[in-house]
Amino acid sequence: MYAIVDIAGQQFKVEKERRIFVHRLSANEGDTVEFEKVLLVDNNGAVSIGAPLLAGAKVTAKVLAHVKGDKVIVFKKKRRKTYRKKNGHRQFFTQIQIETIQG
């Protein structure tokens, strides 16, 4: 059984007991969060598709940790102009574990 869920503006394919990284959520570690923007549910071949969302379907997950992603280096350069800009960025993520899929 799996579902496609909209979490923080991104779509994720989730299964029970699966751990995923999503953009930083405002929940504390150990909290249970519910996602009600479910787009699709597949229950052993019986597919339910929302238009655009499924009514009454929800996914619950447990917040495991708040982490920072790998550093991404942004480097801009224009040749022969002595123009160089170097910038770095680390994205904040929340690791969640899917507990139940209802739909």
N, C-alpha and C. Protein backbone atom coordinates (compact mmCIF):
# COMPACT_ATOMS: atom_id res chain seq x y z
N MET A 1 0.85 -1.17 0.00
CA MET A 1 0.00 0.00 0.00
C MET A 1 0.89 1.24 0.00
N TYR A 2 0.59 2.17 -0.88
CA TYR A 2 1.33 3.41 -0.92
C TYR A 2 0.38 4.56 -1.25
N ALA A 3 0.86 5.77 -1.04
CA ALA A 3 0.07 6.97 -1.32
C ALA A 3 1.00 8.05 -1.85
N ILE A 4 0.42 8.98 -2.59
CA ILE A 4 1.14 10.16 -3.04
C ILE A 4 0.55 11.34 -2.28
N VAL A 5 1.43 12.03 -1.53
CA VAL A 5 0.99 13.07 -0.60
C VAL A 5 1.70 14.37 -0.92
N ASP A 6 0.99 15.48 -0.75
CA ASP A 6 1.58 16.81 -0.90
C ASP A 6 2.01 17.27 0.49
N ILE A 7 3.34 17.37 0.69
CA ILE A 7 3.90 17.81 1.96
C ILE A 7 4.75 19.05 1.70
N ALA A 8 4.35 20.17 2.27
CA ALA A 8 5.10 21.43 2.17
C ALA A 8 5.35 21.83 0.72
N GLY A 9 4.36 21.62 -0.15
CA GLY A 9 4.48 22.04 -1.54
C GLY A 9 5.16 21.05 -2.46
N GLN A 10 5.59 19.91 -1.95
CA GLN A 10 6.21 18.88 -2.79
C GLN A 10 5.43 17.59 -2.67
N GLN A 11 5.46 16.79 -3.73
CA GLN A 11 4.75 15.51 -3.73
C GLN A 11 5.72 14.38 -3.43
N PHE A 12 5.29 13.49 -2.53
CA PHE A 12 6.11 12.35 -2.12
C PHE A 12 5.31 11.07 -2.24
N LYS A 13 5.96 10.00 -2.69
CA LYS A 13 5.37 8.66 -2.67
C LYS A 13 5.78 8.05 -1.34
N VAL A 14 4.77 7.73 -0.50
CA VAL A 14 5.05 7.24 0.85
C VAL A 14 4.47 5.85 1.03
N GLU A 15 5.16 5.05 1.82
CA GLU A 15 4.72 3.72 2.21
C GLU A 15 4.85 3.62 3.72
N LYS A 16 4.16 2.65 4.31
CA LYS A 16 4.21 2.49 5.75
C LYS A 16 5.63 2.11 6.19
N GLU A 17 6.06 2.67 7.32
CA GLU A 17 7.39 2.45 7.92
C GLU A 17 8.54 3.04 7.10
N ARG A 18 8.25 3.83 6.09
CA ARG A 18 9.31 4.43 5.29
C ARG A 18 9.73 5.77 5.89
N ARG A 19 11.04 6.05 5.85
CA ARG A 19 11.57 7.31 6.35
C ARG A 19 11.92 8.22 5.18
N ILE A 20 11.48 9.47 5.25
CA ILE A 20 11.77 10.43 4.18
C ILE A 20 12.19 11.75 4.81
N PHE A 21 12.87 12.56 4.00
CA PHE A 21 13.27 13.91 4.39
C PHE A 21 12.38 14.89 3.66
N VAL A 22 11.75 15.80 4.40
CA VAL A 22 10.90 16.84 3.82
C VAL A 22 11.43 18.19 4.29
N HIS A 23 10.95 19.27 3.65
CA HIS A 23 11.35 20.60 4.11
C HIS A 23 10.92 20.79 5.55
N ARG A 24 11.62 21.64 6.27
CA ARG A 24 11.45 21.82 7.71
C ARG A 24 9.99 22.04 8.07
N LEU A 25 9.50 21.20 8.99
CA LEU A 25 8.16 21.32 9.53
C LEU A 25 8.23 22.00 10.89
N SER A 26 7.12 22.60 11.30
CA SER A 26 7.11 23.34 12.56
C SER A 26 6.72 22.47 13.75
N ALA A 27 6.90 21.16 13.66
CA ALA A 27 6.58 20.24 14.75
C ALA A 27 7.87 19.90 15.50
N ASN A 28 7.71 19.52 16.76
CA ASN A 28 8.86 19.11 17.57
C ASN A 28 9.20 17.65 17.32
N GLU A 29 10.43 17.26 17.71
CA GLU A 29 10.84 15.87 17.56
C GLU A 29 9.97 14.99 18.45
N GLY A 30 9.51 13.88 17.90
CA GLY A 30 8.65 12.96 18.63
C GLY A 30 7.17 13.22 18.42
N ASP A 31 6.80 14.35 17.84
CA ASP A 31 5.39 14.66 17.59
C ASP A 31 4.85 13.83 16.44
N THR A 32 3.53 13.69 16.40
CA THR A 32 2.85 13.03 15.29
C THR A 32 2.17 14.10 14.46
N VAL A 33 2.40 14.06 13.15
CA VAL A 33 1.80 15.03 12.24
C VAL A 33 0.89 14.30 11.26
N GLU A 34 -0.16 14.99 10.79
CA GLU A 34 -1.09 14.42 9.83
C GLU A 34 -1.05 15.24 8.56
N PHE A 35 -1.07 14.54 7.43
CA PHE A 35 -1.09 15.18 6.12
C PHE A 35 -2.40 14.78 5.45
N GLU A 36 -3.23 15.77 5.12
CA GLU A 36 -4.54 15.49 4.55
C GLU A 36 -4.60 15.79 3.06
N LYS A 37 -3.52 16.28 2.48
CA LYS A 37 -3.48 16.53 1.04
C LYS A 37 -3.00 15.26 0.34
N VAL A 38 -3.88 14.26 0.27
CA VAL A 38 -3.56 12.98 -0.35
C VAL A 38 -4.09 13.01 -1.78
N LEU A 39 -3.22 12.74 -2.73
CA LEU A 39 -3.59 12.80 -4.15
C LEU A 39 -3.98 11.44 -4.71
N LEU A 40 -3.35 10.37 -4.22
CA LEU A 40 -3.57 9.03 -4.75
C LEU A 40 -3.30 8.01 -3.66
N VAL A 41 -4.11 6.95 -3.64
CA VAL A 41 -3.88 5.83 -2.72
C VAL A 41 -3.98 4.55 -3.51
N ASP A 42 -2.98 3.68 -3.39
CA ASP A 42 -2.99 2.36 -4.02
C ASP A 42 -3.02 1.32 -2.91
N ASN A 43 -4.13 0.59 -2.82
CA ASN A 43 -4.29 -0.44 -1.80
C ASN A 43 -4.28 -1.80 -2.49
N ASN A 44 -3.08 -2.34 -2.71
CA ASN A 44 -2.89 -3.65 -3.35
C ASN A 44 -3.61 -3.76 -4.68
N GLY A 45 -3.43 -2.78 -5.54
CA GLY A 45 -4.00 -2.81 -6.87
C GLY A 45 -5.26 -2.00 -7.02
N ALA A 46 -5.96 -1.67 -5.94
CA ALA A 46 -7.15 -0.83 -5.99
C ALA A 46 -6.71 0.63 -5.87
N VAL A 47 -6.70 1.33 -6.99
CA VAL A 47 -6.18 2.69 -7.03
C VAL A 47 -7.32 3.68 -6.89
N SER A 48 -7.17 4.63 -5.96
CA SER A 48 -8.12 5.72 -5.80
C SER A 48 -7.40 7.01 -6.12
N ILE A 49 -7.96 7.77 -7.07
CA ILE A 49 -7.34 9.01 -7.52
C ILE A 49 -8.25 10.17 -7.15
N GLY A 50 -7.69 11.19 -6.57
CA GLY A 50 -8.45 12.37 -6.20
C GLY A 50 -8.54 13.36 -7.34
N ALA A 51 -9.49 14.30 -7.20
CA ALA A 51 -9.66 15.31 -8.23
C ALA A 51 -9.79 16.68 -7.60
N PRO A 52 -8.78 17.35 -7.12
CA PRO A 52 -7.39 16.91 -7.06
C PRO A 52 -7.04 16.14 -5.79
N LEU A 53 -7.88 16.23 -4.71
CA LEU A 53 -7.55 15.55 -3.46
C LEU A 53 -8.58 14.47 -3.15
N LEU A 54 -8.16 13.46 -2.40
CA LEU A 54 -9.07 12.41 -1.94
C LEU A 54 -9.76 12.86 -0.66
N ALA A 55 -11.08 12.73 -0.63
CA ALA A 55 -11.83 13.13 0.56
C ALA A 55 -11.71 12.04 1.62
N GLY A 56 -11.41 12.44 2.84
CA GLY A 56 -11.33 11.50 3.95
C GLY A 56 -10.04 10.72 4.06
N ALA A 57 -9.11 10.95 3.17
CA ALA A 57 -7.84 10.23 3.22
C ALA A 57 -6.81 11.07 3.97
N LYS A 58 -5.97 10.40 4.76
CA LYS A 58 -4.91 11.11 5.46
C LYS A 58 -3.76 10.16 5.75
N VAL A 59 -2.60 10.75 5.94
CA VAL A 59 -1.38 10.02 6.25
C VAL A 59 -0.83 10.60 7.56
N THR A 60 -0.51 9.73 8.50
CA THR A 60 0.09 10.18 9.75
C THR A 60 1.56 9.76 9.78
N ALA A 61 2.38 10.64 10.35
CA ALA A 61 3.82 10.38 10.41
C ALA A 61 4.36 10.89 11.74
N LYS A 62 5.51 10.34 12.12
CA LYS A 62 6.18 10.74 13.35
C LYS A 62 7.45 11.49 12.98
N VAL A 63 7.67 12.63 13.64
CA VAL A 63 8.86 13.43 13.40
C VAL A 63 10.03 12.80 14.15
N LEU A 64 11.07 12.42 13.41
CA LEU A 64 12.24 11.78 14.01
C LEU A 64 13.32 12.78 14.38
N ALA A 65 13.66 13.69 13.46
CA ALA A 65 14.75 14.63 13.72
C ALA A 65 14.68 15.81 12.78
N HIS A 66 15.31 16.90 13.19
CA HIS A 66 15.52 18.07 12.34
C HIS A 66 17.00 18.09 11.98
N VAL A 67 17.29 18.08 10.67
CA VAL A 67 18.67 18.00 10.21
C VAL A 67 18.94 19.07 9.16
N LYS A 68 20.22 19.24 8.85
CA LYS A 68 20.63 20.14 7.78
C LYS A 68 21.19 19.31 6.63
N GLY A 69 20.88 19.70 5.42
CA GLY A 69 21.34 18.98 4.24
C GLY A 69 22.78 19.30 3.91
N ASP A 70 23.26 18.71 2.84
CA ASP A 70 24.63 18.95 2.39
C ASP A 70 24.77 20.38 1.87
N LYS A 71 25.99 20.88 1.95
CA LYS A 71 26.24 22.23 1.48
C LYS A 71 26.26 22.26 -0.04
N VAL A 72 25.59 23.25 -0.60
CA VAL A 72 25.55 23.48 -2.05
C VAL A 72 26.31 24.77 -2.31
N ILE A 73 27.31 24.71 -3.18
CA ILE A 73 28.12 25.88 -3.52
C ILE A 73 27.58 26.51 -4.80
N VAL A 74 27.32 27.81 -4.74
CA VAL A 74 26.87 28.57 -5.91
C VAL A 74 28.02 29.49 -6.29
N PHE A 75 28.56 29.31 -7.50
CA PHE A 75 29.71 30.09 -7.95
C PHE A 75 29.36 30.74 -9.27
N LYS A 76 29.46 32.07 -9.31
CA LYS A 76 29.19 32.82 -10.53
C LYS A 76 30.48 33.47 -11.00
N LYS A 77 30.69 33.49 -12.31
CA LYS A 77 31.91 34.05 -12.86
C LYS A 77 31.65 34.59 -14.25
N LYS A 78 32.25 35.73 -14.55
CA LYS A 78 32.23 36.26 -15.91
C LYS A 78 33.68 36.36 -16.36
N ARG A 79 33.99 35.69 -17.42
CA ARG A 79 35.39 35.62 -17.83
C ARG A 79 35.89 36.98 -18.32
N ARG A 80 37.15 37.19 -18.05
CA ARG A 80 37.88 38.41 -18.43
C ARG A 80 37.33 39.68 -17.79
N LYS A 81 36.48 39.58 -16.77
CA LYS A 81 35.91 40.77 -16.14
C LYS A 81 36.26 40.86 -14.65
N THR A 82 37.02 39.94 -14.13
CA THR A 82 37.37 39.87 -12.72
C THR A 82 36.13 39.86 -11.84
N TYR A 83 35.11 39.15 -12.29
CA TYR A 83 33.86 39.05 -11.53
C TYR A 83 33.71 37.62 -11.03
N ARG A 84 33.75 37.45 -9.73
CA ARG A 84 33.56 36.14 -9.12
C ARG A 84 32.72 36.30 -7.86
N LYS A 85 31.70 35.49 -7.71
CA LYS A 85 30.86 35.48 -6.50
C LYS A 85 30.73 34.03 -6.06
N LYS A 86 31.04 33.78 -4.79
CA LYS A 86 30.92 32.44 -4.24
C LYS A 86 29.95 32.51 -3.07
N ASN A 87 28.97 31.61 -3.08
CA ASN A 87 27.96 31.59 -2.04
C ASN A 87 27.65 30.14 -1.70
N GLY A 88 27.32 29.87 -0.45
CA GLY A 88 26.97 28.52 -0.03
C GLY A 88 25.59 28.50 0.60
N HIS A 89 24.99 27.32 0.61
CA HIS A 89 23.64 27.18 1.17
C HIS A 89 23.48 25.78 1.74
N ARG A 90 22.84 25.69 2.92
CA ARG A 90 22.48 24.40 3.51
C ARG A 90 21.00 24.45 3.83
N GLN A 91 20.24 23.52 3.26
CA GLN A 91 18.80 23.46 3.45
C GLN A 91 18.46 22.75 4.75
N PHE A 92 17.43 23.21 5.44
CA PHE A 92 16.94 22.57 6.65
C PHE A 92 15.90 21.53 6.28
N PHE A 93 16.02 20.32 6.82
CA PHE A 93 15.10 19.23 6.55
C PHE A 93 14.54 18.67 7.85
N THR A 94 13.42 17.97 7.73
CA THR A 94 12.84 17.21 8.83
C THR A 94 12.73 15.77 8.39
N GLN A 95 13.24 14.85 9.19
CA GLN A 95 13.13 13.43 8.87
C GLN A 95 11.86 12.91 9.55
N ILE A 96 10.98 12.28 8.74
CA ILE A 96 9.74 11.73 9.28
C ILE A 96 9.64 10.25 8.92
N GLN A 97 8.88 9.52 9.72
CA GLN A 97 8.61 8.11 9.44
C GLN A 97 7.11 7.95 9.33
N ILE A 98 6.67 7.35 8.23
CA ILE A 98 5.25 7.17 7.96
C ILE A 98 4.71 6.06 8.86
N GLU A 99 3.62 6.35 9.57
CA GLU A 99 3.02 5.38 10.47
C GLU A 99 1.79 4.71 9.87
N THR A 100 0.83 5.51 9.41
CA THR A 100 -0.40 4.92 8.85
C THR A 100 -0.82 5.68 7.59
N ILE A 101 -1.51 4.93 6.72
CA ILE A 101 -2.12 5.51 5.51
C ILE A 101 -3.59 5.12 5.55
N GLN A 102 -4.45 6.11 5.60
CA GLN A 102 -5.90 5.86 5.60
C GLN A 102 -6.50 6.42 4.33
N GLY A 103 -7.26 5.62 3.66
CA GLY A 103 -7.87 6.13 2.44
C GLY A 103 -8.62 5.07 1.79
